[in-house]
PDB file of all heavy atoms in Angstrom:
ATOM      1  N   PHE A   1      35.115  27.268  -4.101  1.00  0.00           N
ATOM      2  CA  PHE A   1      34.825  25.970  -3.482  1.00  0.00           C
ATOM      3  C   PHE A   1      34.941  26.083  -1.965  1.00  0.00           C
ATOM      4  O   PHE A   1      35.878  26.664  -1.430  1.00  0.00           O
ATOM      5  CB  PHE A   1      35.787  24.907  -3.991  1.00  0.00           C
ATOM      6  CG  PHE A   1      35.530  23.540  -3.399  1.00  0.00           C
ATOM      7  CD1 PHE A   1      34.410  22.813  -3.760  1.00  0.00           C
ATOM      8  CD2 PHE A   1      36.402  22.999  -2.462  1.00  0.00           C
ATOM      9  CE1 PHE A   1      34.171  21.565  -3.220  1.00  0.00           C
ATOM     10  CE2 PHE A   1      36.169  21.751  -1.917  1.00  0.00           C
ATOM     11  CZ  PHE A   1      35.049  21.040  -2.285  1.00  0.00           C
ATOM     12  N   LEU A   2      33.979  25.515  -1.273  1.00  0.00           N
ATOM     13  CA  LEU A   2      33.941  25.520   0.183  1.00  0.00           C
ATOM     14  C   LEU A   2      34.053  24.083   0.675  1.00  0.00           C
ATOM     15  O   LEU A   2      33.251  23.224   0.285  1.00  0.00           O
ATOM     16  CB  LEU A   2      32.626  26.152   0.661  1.00  0.00           C
ATOM     17  CG  LEU A   2      32.530  26.610   2.110  1.00  0.00           C
ATOM     18  CD1 LEU A   2      33.574  27.674   2.430  1.00  0.00           C
ATOM     19  CD2 LEU A   2      31.140  27.154   2.394  1.00  0.00           C
ATOM     20  N   LYS A   3      35.037  23.793   1.503  1.00  0.00           N
ATOM     21  CA  LYS A   3      35.249  22.428   1.971  1.00  0.00           C
ATOM     22  C   LYS A   3      34.114  21.988   2.902  1.00  0.00           C
ATOM     23  O   LYS A   3      33.591  22.771   3.678  1.00  0.00           O
ATOM     24  CB  LYS A   3      36.583  22.314   2.699  1.00  0.00           C
ATOM     25  CG  LYS A   3      37.797  22.426   1.780  1.00  0.00           C
ATOM     26  CD  LYS A   3      39.084  22.224   2.563  1.00  0.00           C
ATOM     27  CE  LYS A   3      40.303  22.295   1.638  1.00  0.00           C
ATOM     28  NZ  LYS A   3      41.563  22.082   2.383  1.00  0.00           N
ATOM     29  N   GLY A   4      33.804  20.710   2.800  1.00  0.00           N
ATOM     30  CA  GLY A   4      32.719  20.142   3.588  1.00  0.00           C
ATOM     31  C   GLY A   4      31.706  19.493   2.665  1.00  0.00           C
ATOM     32  O   GLY A   4      31.668  19.771   1.467  1.00  0.00           O
ATOM     33  N   ASP A   5      30.875  18.624   3.210  1.00  0.00           N
ATOM     34  CA  ASP A   5      29.967  17.825   2.390  1.00  0.00           C
ATOM     35  C   ASP A   5      28.501  18.157   2.634  1.00  0.00           C
ATOM     36  O   ASP A   5      28.094  18.463   3.764  1.00  0.00           O
ATOM     37  CB  ASP A   5      30.162  16.337   2.678  1.00  0.00           C
ATOM     38  CG  ASP A   5      31.546  15.847   2.288  1.00  0.00           C
ATOM     39  OD1 ASP A   5      32.194  16.511   1.451  1.00  0.00           O
ATOM     40  OD2 ASP A   5      31.981  14.811   2.838  1.00  0.00           O
ATOM     41  N   VAL A   6      27.731  18.064   1.545  1.00  0.00           N
ATOM     42  CA  VAL A   6      26.273  17.977   1.642  1.00  0.00           C
ATOM     43  C   VAL A   6      25.938  16.502   1.521  1.00  0.00           C
ATOM     44  O   VAL A   6      26.186  15.875   0.479  1.00  0.00           O
ATOM     45  CB  VAL A   6      25.584  18.770   0.513  1.00  0.00           C
ATOM     46  CG1 VAL A   6      24.065  18.617   0.620  1.00  0.00           C
ATOM     47  CG2 VAL A   6      25.971  20.239   0.569  1.00  0.00           C
ATOM     48  N   LEU A   7      25.434  15.910   2.576  1.00  0.00           N
ATOM     49  CA  LEU A   7      25.124  14.482   2.593  1.00  0.00           C
ATOM     50  C   LEU A   7      23.733  14.268   2.011  1.00  0.00           C
ATOM     51  O   LEU A   7      22.739  14.719   2.583  1.00  0.00           O
ATOM     52  CB  LEU A   7      25.201  13.943   4.022  1.00  0.00           C
ATOM     53  CG  LEU A   7      26.534  14.203   4.748  1.00  0.00           C
ATOM     54  CD1 LEU A   7      26.441  13.736   6.200  1.00  0.00           C
ATOM     55  CD2 LEU A   7      27.680  13.520   4.028  1.00  0.00           C
ATOM     56  N   HIS A   8      23.681  13.605   0.869  1.00  0.00           N
ATOM     57  CA  HIS A   8      22.419  13.413   0.167  1.00  0.00           C
ATOM     58  C   HIS A   8      21.798  12.087   0.588  1.00  0.00           C
ATOM     59  O   HIS A   8      22.177  11.023   0.122  1.00  0.00           O
ATOM     60  CB  HIS A   8      22.674  13.431  -1.343  1.00  0.00           C
ATOM     61  CG  HIS A   8      21.432  13.486  -2.172  1.00  0.00           C
ATOM     62  ND1 HIS A   8      21.372  13.026  -3.463  1.00  0.00           N
ATOM     63  CD2 HIS A   8      20.192  13.959  -1.887  1.00  0.00           C
ATOM     64  CE1 HIS A   8      20.152  13.214  -3.937  1.00  0.00           C
ATOM     65  NE2 HIS A   8      19.423  13.761  -3.003  1.00  0.00           N
ATOM     66  N   ARG A   9      20.816  12.149   1.461  1.00  0.00           N
ATOM     67  CA  ARG A   9      20.186  10.948   1.996  1.00  0.00           C
ATOM     68  C   ARG A   9      18.936  10.601   1.188  1.00  0.00           C
ATOM     69  O   ARG A   9      17.835  10.453   1.726  1.00  0.00           O
ATOM     70  CB  ARG A   9      19.840  11.151   3.467  1.00  0.00           C
ATOM     71  CG  ARG A   9      21.026  11.573   4.342  1.00  0.00           C
ATOM     72  CD  ARG A   9      20.813  11.149   5.766  1.00  0.00           C
ATOM     73  NE  ARG A   9      21.727  11.741   6.716  1.00  0.00           N
ATOM     74  CZ  ARG A   9      22.991  11.391   6.896  1.00  0.00           C
ATOM     75  NH1 ARG A   9      23.515  10.458   6.139  1.00  0.00           N
ATOM     76  NH2 ARG A   9      23.736  11.973   7.819  1.00  0.00           N
ATOM     77  N   THR A  10      19.120  10.502  -0.121  1.00  0.00           N
ATOM     78  CA  THR A  10      17.985  10.273  -1.008  1.00  0.00           C
ATOM     79  C   THR A  10      17.479   8.842  -0.968  1.00  0.00           C
ATOM     80  O   THR A  10      16.319   8.570  -1.285  1.00  0.00           O
ATOM     81  CB  THR A  10      18.355  10.657  -2.449  1.00  0.00           C
ATOM     82  OG1 THR A  10      17.193  10.639  -3.267  1.00  0.00           O
ATOM     83  CG2 THR A  10      19.402   9.712  -3.025  1.00  0.00           C
ATOM     84  N   LEU A  11      18.345   7.899  -0.590  1.00  0.00           N
ATOM     85  CA  LEU A  11      17.967   6.492  -0.609  1.00  0.00           C
ATOM     86  C   LEU A  11      17.181   6.097   0.638  1.00  0.00           C
ATOM     87  O   LEU A  11      17.654   6.271   1.762  1.00  0.00           O
ATOM     88  CB  LEU A  11      19.213   5.608  -0.701  1.00  0.00           C
ATOM     89  CG  LEU A  11      19.951   5.602  -2.038  1.00  0.00           C
ATOM     90  CD1 LEU A  11      21.258   4.839  -1.901  1.00  0.00           C
ATOM     91  CD2 LEU A  11      19.094   4.994  -3.126  1.00  0.00           C
ATOM     92  N   ILE A  12      15.992   5.577   0.416  1.00  0.00           N
ATOM     93  CA  ILE A  12      15.224   4.952   1.496  1.00  0.00           C
ATOM     94  C   ILE A  12      15.010   3.493   1.117  1.00  0.00           C
ATOM     95  O   ILE A  12      15.474   2.583   1.790  1.00  0.00           O
ATOM     96  CB  ILE A  12      13.880   5.671   1.726  1.00  0.00           C
ATOM     97  CG1 ILE A  12      14.119   7.132   2.144  1.00  0.00           C
ATOM     98  CG2 ILE A  12      13.081   4.940   2.813  1.00  0.00           C
ATOM     99  CD1 ILE A  12      12.860   7.932   2.316  1.00  0.00           C
ATOM    100  N   THR A  13      14.322   3.278   0.005  1.00  0.00           N
ATOM    101  CA  THR A  13      14.149   1.937  -0.554  1.00  0.00           C
ATOM    102  C   THR A  13      14.194   2.048  -2.079  1.00  0.00           C
ATOM    103  O   THR A  13      14.049   3.134  -2.646  1.00  0.00           O
ATOM    104  CB  THR A  13      12.797   1.317  -0.145  1.00  0.00           C
ATOM    105  OG1 THR A  13      11.735   2.105  -0.724  1.00  0.00           O
ATOM    106  CG2 THR A  13      12.638   1.269   1.369  1.00  0.00           C
ATOM    107  N   LEU A  14      14.349   0.918  -2.749  1.00  0.00           N
ATOM    108  CA  LEU A  14      14.306   0.906  -4.205  1.00  0.00           C
ATOM    109  C   LEU A  14      12.927   1.337  -4.705  1.00  0.00           C
ATOM    110  O   LEU A  14      12.805   2.015  -5.730  1.00  0.00           O
ATOM    111  CB  LEU A  14      14.653  -0.482  -4.731  1.00  0.00           C
ATOM    112  CG  LEU A  14      16.111  -0.933  -4.549  1.00  0.00           C
ATOM    113  CD1 LEU A  14      16.275  -2.384  -4.976  1.00  0.00           C
ATOM    114  CD2 LEU A  14      17.065  -0.037  -5.333  1.00  0.00           C
ATOM    115  N   GLY A  15      11.886   0.951  -3.968  1.00  0.00           N
ATOM    116  CA  GLY A  15      10.535   1.357  -4.336  1.00  0.00           C
ATOM    117  C   GLY A  15      10.358   2.863  -4.283  1.00  0.00           C
ATOM    118  O   GLY A  15       9.713   3.464  -5.151  1.00  0.00           O
ATOM    119  N   GLN A  16      10.923   3.481  -3.251  1.00  0.00           N
ATOM    120  CA  GLN A  16      10.850   4.943  -3.118  1.00  0.00           C
ATOM    121  C   GLN A  16      11.572   5.629  -4.267  1.00  0.00           C
ATOM    122  O   GLN A  16      11.093   6.623  -4.833  1.00  0.00           O
ATOM    123  CB  GLN A  16      11.438   5.366  -1.775  1.00  0.00           C
ATOM    124  CG  GLN A  16      11.715   6.847  -1.627  1.00  0.00           C
ATOM    125  CD  GLN A  16      13.197   7.174  -1.763  1.00  0.00           C
ATOM    126  OE1 GLN A  16      14.064   6.342  -1.515  1.00  0.00           O
ATOM    127  NE2 GLN A  16      13.482   8.389  -2.149  1.00  0.00           N
ATOM    128  N   MET A  17      12.760   5.100  -4.653  1.00  0.00           N
ATOM    129  CA  MET A  17      13.501   5.674  -5.766  1.00  0.00           C
ATOM    130  C   MET A  17      12.724   5.515  -7.071  1.00  0.00           C
ATOM    131  O   MET A  17      12.701   6.418  -7.911  1.00  0.00           O
ATOM    132  CB  MET A  17      14.861   4.993  -5.890  1.00  0.00           C
ATOM    133  CG  MET A  17      15.830   5.317  -4.766  1.00  0.00           C
ATOM    134  SD  MET A  17      16.258   7.078  -4.715  1.00  0.00           S
ATOM    135  CE  MET A  17      17.143   7.261  -6.256  1.00  0.00           C
ATOM    136  N   GLU A  18      12.061   4.364  -7.227  1.00  0.00           N
ATOM    137  CA  GLU A  18      11.289   4.115  -8.438  1.00  0.00           C
ATOM    138  C   GLU A  18      10.128   5.103  -8.551  1.00  0.00           C
ATOM    139  O   GLU A  18       9.853   5.642  -9.631  1.00  0.00           O
ATOM    140  CB  GLU A  18      10.766   2.673  -8.419  1.00  0.00           C
ATOM    141  CG  GLU A  18      10.237   2.180  -9.746  1.00  0.00           C
ATOM    142  CD  GLU A  18       9.910   0.701  -9.694  1.00  0.00           C
ATOM    143  OE1 GLU A  18       9.556   0.199  -8.607  1.00  0.00           O
ATOM    144  OE2 GLU A  18      10.000   0.054 -10.750  1.00  0.00           O
ATOM    145  N   GLU A  19       9.449   5.381  -7.431  1.00  0.00           N
ATOM    146  CA  GLU A  19       8.347   6.338  -7.429  1.00  0.00           C
ATOM    147  C   GLU A  19       8.847   7.754  -7.744  1.00  0.00           C
ATOM    148  O   GLU A  19       8.206   8.511  -8.482  1.00  0.00           O
ATOM    149  CB  GLU A  19       7.633   6.322  -6.077  1.00  0.00           C
ATOM    150  CG  GLU A  19       6.819   5.076  -5.823  1.00  0.00           C
ATOM    151  CD  GLU A  19       6.133   5.106  -4.473  1.00  0.00           C
ATOM    152  OE1 GLU A  19       6.157   6.175  -3.818  1.00  0.00           O
ATOM    153  OE2 GLU A  19       5.578   4.074  -4.061  1.00  0.00           O
ATOM    154  N   LYS A  20       9.985   8.105  -7.175  1.00  0.00           N
ATOM    155  CA  LYS A  20      10.566   9.424  -7.428  1.00  0.00           C
ATOM    156  C   LYS A  20      10.897   9.595  -8.907  1.00  0.00           C
ATOM    157  O   LYS A  20      10.600  10.624  -9.518  1.00  0.00           O
ATOM    158  CB  LYS A  20      11.831   9.602  -6.582  1.00  0.00           C
ATOM    159  CG  LYS A  20      12.572  10.915  -6.819  1.00  0.00           C
ATOM    160  CD  LYS A  20      13.814  11.010  -5.962  1.00  0.00           C
ATOM    161  CE  LYS A  20      14.588  12.289  -6.230  1.00  0.00           C
ATOM    162  NZ  LYS A  20      15.802  12.387  -5.386  1.00  0.00           N
ATOM    163  N   TYR A  21      11.501   8.574  -9.487  1.00  0.00           N
ATOM    164  CA  TYR A  21      11.879   8.645 -10.895  1.00  0.00           C
ATOM    165  C   TYR A  21      10.662   8.592 -11.813  1.00  0.00           C
ATOM    166  O   TYR A  21      10.687   9.114 -12.929  1.00  0.00           O
ATOM    167  CB  TYR A  21      12.853   7.529 -11.243  1.00  0.00           C
ATOM    168  CG  TYR A  21      14.260   7.769 -10.744  1.00  0.00           C
ATOM    169  CD1 TYR A  21      15.178   6.723 -10.629  1.00  0.00           C
ATOM    170  CD2 TYR A  21      14.680   9.048 -10.379  1.00  0.00           C
ATOM    171  CE1 TYR A  21      16.476   6.955 -10.186  1.00  0.00           C
ATOM    172  CE2 TYR A  21      15.965   9.281  -9.924  1.00  0.00           C
ATOM    173  CZ  TYR A  21      16.857   8.235  -9.829  1.00  0.00           C
ATOM    174  OH  TYR A  21      18.138   8.460  -9.387  1.00  0.00           O
ATOM    175  N   LEU A  22       9.572   7.965 -11.361  1.00  0.00           N
ATOM    176  CA  LEU A  22       8.328   7.970 -12.128  1.00  0.00           C
ATOM    177  C   LEU A  22       7.810   9.391 -12.272  1.00  0.00           C
ATOM    178  O   LEU A  22       7.418   9.827 -13.368  1.00  0.00           O
ATOM    179  CB  LEU A  22       7.289   7.083 -11.441  1.00  0.00           C
ATOM    180  CG  LEU A  22       5.898   7.062 -12.070  1.00  0.00           C
ATOM    181  CD1 LEU A  22       5.958   6.473 -13.474  1.00  0.00           C
ATOM    182  CD2 LEU A  22       4.923   6.268 -11.195  1.00  0.00           C
ATOM    183  N   GLN A  23       7.819  10.128 -11.174  1.00  0.00           N
ATOM    184  CA  GLN A  23       7.407  11.537 -11.212  1.00  0.00           C
ATOM    185  C   GLN A  23       8.335  12.353 -12.099  1.00  0.00           C
ATOM    186  O   GLN A  23       7.885  13.148 -12.932  1.00  0.00           O
ATOM    187  CB  GLN A  23       7.391  12.130  -9.806  1.00  0.00           C
ATOM    188  CG  GLN A  23       7.077  13.624  -9.767  1.00  0.00           C
ATOM    189  CD  GLN A  23       7.353  14.259  -8.420  1.00  0.00           C
ATOM    190  OE1 GLN A  23       7.584  13.576  -7.427  1.00  0.00           O
ATOM    191  NE2 GLN A  23       7.343  15.578  -8.370  1.00  0.00           N
ATOM    192  N   LEU A  24       9.647  12.148 -11.923  1.00  0.00           N
ATOM    193  CA  LEU A  24      10.623  12.906 -12.695  1.00  0.00           C
ATOM    194  C   LEU A  24      10.479  12.654 -14.195  1.00  0.00           C
ATOM    195  O   LEU A  24      10.519  13.597 -14.997  1.00  0.00           O
ATOM    196  CB  LEU A  24      12.040  12.540 -12.252  1.00  0.00           C
ATOM    197  CG  LEU A  24      12.627  13.301 -11.068  1.00  0.00           C
ATOM    198  CD1 LEU A  24      13.962  12.699 -10.684  1.00  0.00           C
ATOM    199  CD2 LEU A  24      12.788  14.774 -11.385  1.00  0.00           C
ATOM    200  N   SER A  25      10.320  11.407 -14.590  1.00  0.00           N
ATOM    201  CA  SER A  25      10.240  11.089 -16.008  1.00  0.00           C
ATOM    202  C   SER A  25       9.001  11.715 -16.642  1.00  0.00           C
ATOM    203  O   SER A  25       9.045  12.178 -17.789  1.00  0.00           O
ATOM    204  CB  SER A  25      10.257   9.577 -16.233  1.00  0.00           C
ATOM    205  OG  SER A  25       9.106   8.959 -15.694  1.00  0.00           O
ATOM    206  N   SER A  26       7.900  11.755 -15.890  1.00  0.00           N
ATOM    207  CA  SER A  26       6.678  12.362 -16.422  1.00  0.00           C
ATOM    208  C   SER A  26       6.834  13.865 -16.587  1.00  0.00           C
ATOM    209  O   SER A  26       6.410  14.437 -17.603  1.00  0.00           O
ATOM    210  CB  SER A  26       5.498  12.047 -15.498  1.00  0.00           C
ATOM    211  OG  SER A  26       5.226  10.663 -15.468  1.00  0.00           O
TER     212      SER A  26
END
């Protein structure tokens, strides 16, 4: 384990998350 964070800036809008998950589910 290496101390420190990977900051996951995945959130832009709910619409963007919905589109991302649409691709993933397919």
